[in-house]
Structure formats: C-alpha cells, structure tokens
Protein backbone atom coordinates (compact mmCIF):
# COMPACT_ATOMS: atom_id res chain seq x y z
CA MET A 1 43.35 80.45 108.53
CA ARG A 2 40.52 78.78 110.39
CA ARG A 3 40.19 79.13 114.13
CA SER A 4 41.11 75.47 114.77
CA GLU A 5 44.22 75.77 112.56
CA PHE A 6 45.20 78.92 114.45
CA LYS A 7 44.82 77.15 117.82
CA PHE A 8 46.85 74.19 116.60
CA THR A 9 49.60 76.47 115.25
CA TYR A 10 49.64 78.47 118.48
CA LEU A 11 49.87 75.31 120.61
CA LEU A 12 52.61 73.92 118.38
CA LEU A 13 54.64 77.13 118.66
CA ALA A 14 54.12 77.23 122.43
CA ALA A 15 55.27 73.61 122.72
CA LEU A 16 58.33 74.33 120.60
CA ALA A 17 59.16 77.36 122.72
CA CYS A 18 58.93 75.26 125.88
CA PHE A 19 61.05 72.54 124.33
CA SER A 20 63.64 75.09 123.24
CA PHE A 21 63.82 76.58 126.74
CA HIS A 22 63.94 73.12 128.29
CA SER A 23 66.77 72.08 125.93
CA ARG A 24 68.88 75.02 127.05
CA ALA A 25 68.23 74.19 130.68
CA ILE A 26 69.26 70.59 130.07
CA ALA A 27 72.44 71.71 128.31
CA ALA A 28 73.44 73.66 131.43
CA ASP A 29 72.50 70.86 133.84
CA PRO A 30 75.45 68.57 133.05
CA GLY A 31 77.71 71.18 134.66
CA LEU A 32 75.95 70.56 137.93
CA SER A 33 77.09 66.96 137.87
CA VAL A 34 80.82 67.49 137.34
CA ILE A 35 81.64 67.04 141.03
CA PRO A 36 79.69 63.79 141.50
CA GLN A 37 81.02 62.48 138.18
CA LEU A 38 84.61 63.10 139.24
CA GLN A 39 83.96 61.65 142.70
CA GLU A 40 82.65 58.46 141.16
CA ARG A 41 85.36 58.26 138.53
CA PHE A 42 88.27 58.67 140.93
CA GLY A 43 86.80 57.49 144.26
CA MET A 44 87.51 60.89 145.80
CA SER A 45 85.53 62.73 148.46
CA GLU A 46 83.53 65.82 147.54
CA ALA A 47 86.09 67.97 149.37
CA GLN A 48 88.94 66.44 147.35
CA VAL A 49 87.12 67.02 144.06
CA ARG A 50 86.15 70.59 144.96
CA GLY A 51 89.70 71.38 146.07
CA SER A 52 91.23 69.80 142.97
CA LEU A 53 88.78 71.60 140.73
CA GLY A 54 89.38 74.89 142.54
CA ALA A 55 93.15 74.54 142.19
CA LEU A 56 92.71 73.77 138.49
CA LEU A 57 90.57 76.86 138.03
CA VAL A 58 93.14 79.02 139.85
CA PHE A 59 95.88 77.58 137.63
CA VAL A 60 93.83 78.26 134.50
CA ARG A 61 92.88 81.78 135.60
CA GLU A 62 96.58 82.67 135.91
CA ARG A 63 97.14 81.70 132.26
CA LEU A 64 94.16 82.99 130.34
CA PRO A 65 92.89 86.40 129.33
CA LYS A 66 89.82 87.29 131.39
CA PRO A 67 87.24 86.72 128.60
CA GLU A 68 88.53 83.20 127.96
CA PHE A 69 88.72 82.35 131.64
CA ASP A 70 85.20 83.67 132.19
CA ARG A 71 83.96 81.40 129.43
CA VAL A 72 85.62 78.36 131.02
CA SER A 73 84.48 79.24 134.54
CA LYS A 74 80.86 79.63 133.42
CA SER A 75 80.89 75.99 132.35
CA ILE A 76 81.68 74.97 135.95
CA PRO A 77 78.85 75.87 138.34
CA ASN A 78 79.98 77.85 141.39
CA ALA A 79 83.50 78.25 140.00
CA ASP A 80 84.15 81.48 141.90
CA ARG A 81 83.06 79.98 145.20
CA ILE A 82 85.10 76.83 144.59
CA MET A 83 88.23 78.91 143.86
CA ARG A 84 87.65 81.03 146.98
CA GLU A 85 87.30 77.89 149.12
CA THR A 86 90.51 76.53 147.60
CA ARG A 87 92.44 79.61 148.69
CA LEU A 88 90.77 79.78 152.13
CA ASN A 89 91.49 76.11 152.79
CA GLY A 90 95.18 76.58 151.95
CA ILE A 91 95.17 74.26 148.95
CA VAL A 92 96.60 77.03 146.78
CA THR A 93 98.69 79.55 148.71
CA GLY A 94 100.70 81.15 145.94
CA PRO A 95 101.16 81.20 142.20
CA LEU A 96 101.02 77.93 140.30
CA ASP A 97 103.84 78.33 137.79
CA ASP A 98 103.25 75.17 135.80
CA ILE A 99 101.12 72.05 135.64
CA GLY A 100 103.50 70.36 138.07
CA ASP A 101 102.81 73.06 140.68
CA TYR A 102 99.09 72.54 140.18
CA GLN A 103 99.46 68.78 140.65
CA ALA A 104 101.67 69.28 143.73
CA SER A 105 99.02 71.56 145.28
CA LEU A 106 96.68 68.57 145.39
CA ALA A 107 98.93 66.78 147.89
CA SER A 108 97.32 68.79 150.72
CA LEU A 109 94.07 67.06 149.73
CA GLY A 110 95.65 63.62 149.84
CA VAL A 111 95.62 63.44 146.05
CA GLY A 112 98.98 62.18 144.82
CA GLN A 113 100.28 60.71 141.63
CA PRO A 114 99.13 59.24 139.33
CA LEU A 115 95.68 60.59 140.25
CA ALA A 116 96.81 64.24 140.33
CA SER A 117 97.93 64.05 136.70
CA GLN A 118 94.63 62.44 135.64
CA PHE A 119 92.32 65.07 137.15
CA ALA A 120 92.72 67.96 134.66
CA PRO A 121 92.34 65.69 131.59
CA ALA A 122 89.16 64.28 133.17
CA VAL A 123 87.74 67.81 133.48
CA VAL A 124 88.62 68.43 129.81
CA GLU A 125 86.81 65.21 128.91
CA TYR A 126 83.81 66.19 131.01
CA LEU A 127 83.53 69.59 129.29
CA GLY A 128 83.53 67.92 125.89
CA SER A 129 80.89 65.37 126.84
CA ALA A 130 78.71 68.11 128.39
CA GLY A 131 78.72 70.06 125.13
CA PHE A 132 81.19 72.78 126.13
CA GLN A 133 83.46 72.31 123.10
CA GLN A 134 85.04 75.76 123.03
CA GLU A 135 85.65 75.69 126.79
CA ARG A 136 87.15 72.23 126.41
CA SER A 137 89.54 73.51 123.74
CA ILE A 138 90.59 76.48 125.89
CA LEU A 139 91.25 74.28 128.93
CA LEU A 140 93.10 71.68 126.87
CA ARG A 141 95.39 74.39 125.48
CA VAL A 142 96.28 75.52 129.03
CA ILE A 143 97.00 72.12 130.56
CA LYS A 144 99.17 70.80 127.70
C-alpha cells in the first residue's frame, strides 16, 4: 500500500469512526426533546409535562421487573429526578393501582380528561419515533 493510499484509508476510517460516534449521540438526543415535544403537542406547561411523565414512570416502575423498567427509564433523560420531583411535589402520594389511578393523579397538575388519557399513548408514540422500539413495546404492554 502506498503512503497516499494509507493516508486516505486512515482518514476514511477516522471519518467513519466520527460519524458512527455522532450517530449514536444523535440517537440519544431525541430523548432530550420529549418534554418540549409533549408541551407543544398538548399545550401544557413544563411542570405539567414533567409531573405527568414522572407519574407515568412511577406507575410503570410499579409494574415492571427492574431490568425492564431500567431500560424504559434510560430512554427518558433524567427519569429518576423527574420521578423524585413527582413524589416531592405530591403528584403521586401512594401506589397507582391501575391506569385510572395514574390518570387521576394528574388532576393535581390541572390535567383532566380527555388529556390525561392521551398522555401515556403520546409517550409510547414518542419512544417509537425516537428509535426506542423495545422500550416502546414494554411501555405499551404496561399501559394497555
């Protein structure tokens, strides 16, 4: 291999490595936008979206084995902090026995029906569009 071919090959591999790393970073970035996306979609404040999302995560955590829940929560940036805030702010004060309890917990945020019943399916939709197919399937199984 000539020196110029070696340089070209090296640069090509370096560029591919950067692209590969960048692609992974981009795949994770959509998770950062879930809160603004839901705010825009439903006309809710950031606090309402964070509280609704936190209550949903608490509901899901109560129903899944830890490895599955961890997988879902990793697709939502700051999931642990959001759940903690949800408990501290009194949005969820006890167990959420069913999807109706989850939806009722949103009333303290000023989120009533029909919006409360639309929130969890919107998160499922978001996960799918962000490329989190397995997480989407897990969440869908829990909210049905």
